[in-house]
Amino acid sequence: MVSIEAGRMTGNSCISIVTVTGQVILNQQVVSPVTMINLAGLPAGLYFVRYSDGDKAEVKKIIKQ
């Protein structure tokens, strides 16, 4: 599980999990300041978590072992 805290939320806030090849694994709307995402079904590797709120976007790297 990964916990993602959204600093500010708008009606357009969403979180995406993306592989290094650009494949979108998950795309979900943010409905609370803290979002839990289950990565148990994904293989080990490098992923990017992209948070977007309509005005700005932020990308963080995560490594699943």
Protein backbone atom coordinates (compact mmCIF):
# COMPACT_ATOMS: atom_id res chain seq x y z
CA MET A 1 0.00 0.00 0.00
CA VAL A 2 1.08 3.52 -0.76
CA SER A 3 -0.34 6.51 1.08
CA ILE A 4 -0.54 9.73 -0.94
CA GLU A 5 -1.32 13.05 0.73
CA ALA A 6 -2.84 15.76 -1.44
CA GLY A 7 -1.88 19.22 -0.25
CA ARG A 8 -4.88 20.84 -1.85
CA MET A 9 -7.82 19.37 -3.64
CA THR A 10 -10.08 20.64 -6.39
CA GLY A 11 -12.92 18.96 -8.23
CA ASN A 12 -10.41 17.89 -10.90
CA SER A 13 -7.81 16.29 -8.60
CA CYS A 14 -6.58 12.89 -9.77
CA ILE A 15 -3.76 10.42 -9.18
CA SER A 16 -2.16 8.27 -11.86
CA ILE A 17 0.33 5.40 -11.56
CA VAL A 18 2.52 5.17 -14.67
CA THR A 19 5.23 2.69 -15.70
CA VAL A 20 8.63 3.78 -17.03
CA THR A 21 7.36 3.02 -20.54
CA GLY A 22 4.46 5.45 -20.08
CA GLN A 23 1.68 2.90 -19.61
CA VAL A 24 -0.99 4.21 -17.23
CA ILE A 25 -1.69 1.48 -14.66
CA LEU A 26 -4.19 3.39 -12.54
CA ASN A 27 -6.07 6.65 -12.92
CA GLN A 28 -8.32 7.63 -10.05
CA GLN A 29 -10.05 10.77 -8.85
CA VAL A 30 -8.98 12.06 -5.45
CA VAL A 31 -11.89 12.29 -3.01
CA SER A 32 -10.05 12.80 0.30
CA PRO A 33 -6.81 14.48 1.45
CA VAL A 34 -5.17 11.07 2.00
CA THR A 35 -5.49 8.37 -0.66
CA MET A 36 -4.37 4.77 -0.17
CA ILE A 37 -3.36 2.83 -3.29
CA ASN A 38 -2.80 -0.92 -3.28
CA LEU A 39 0.22 -1.92 -5.42
CA ALA A 40 0.09 -5.61 -4.48
CA GLY A 41 -0.94 -6.73 -7.98
CA LEU A 42 1.93 -4.94 -9.71
CA PRO A 43 5.30 -6.53 -10.44
CA ALA A 44 8.44 -5.18 -8.78
CA GLY A 45 9.89 -2.18 -10.55
CA LEU A 46 9.97 1.58 -10.95
CA TYR A 47 6.72 3.55 -11.19
CA PHE A 48 5.74 7.18 -11.26
CA VAL A 49 2.89 8.66 -9.22
CA ARG A 50 1.39 11.71 -10.86
CA TYR A 51 -0.89 14.03 -8.90
CA SER A 52 -2.81 16.65 -10.84
CA ASP A 53 -5.30 19.18 -9.51
CA GLY A 54 -6.18 20.99 -12.73
CA ASP A 55 -3.77 23.89 -12.18
CA LYS A 56 -0.56 22.02 -11.44
CA ALA A 57 0.87 18.53 -11.60
CA GLU A 58 3.50 16.81 -9.50
CA VAL A 59 5.33 13.56 -10.25
CA LYS A 60 7.09 11.34 -7.71
CA LYS A 61 9.08 8.18 -8.30
CA ILE A 62 8.35 5.00 -6.34
CA ILE A 63 10.16 1.67 -6.38
CA LYS A 64 8.17 -1.48 -5.64
CA GLN A 65 10.33 -4.34 -4.38
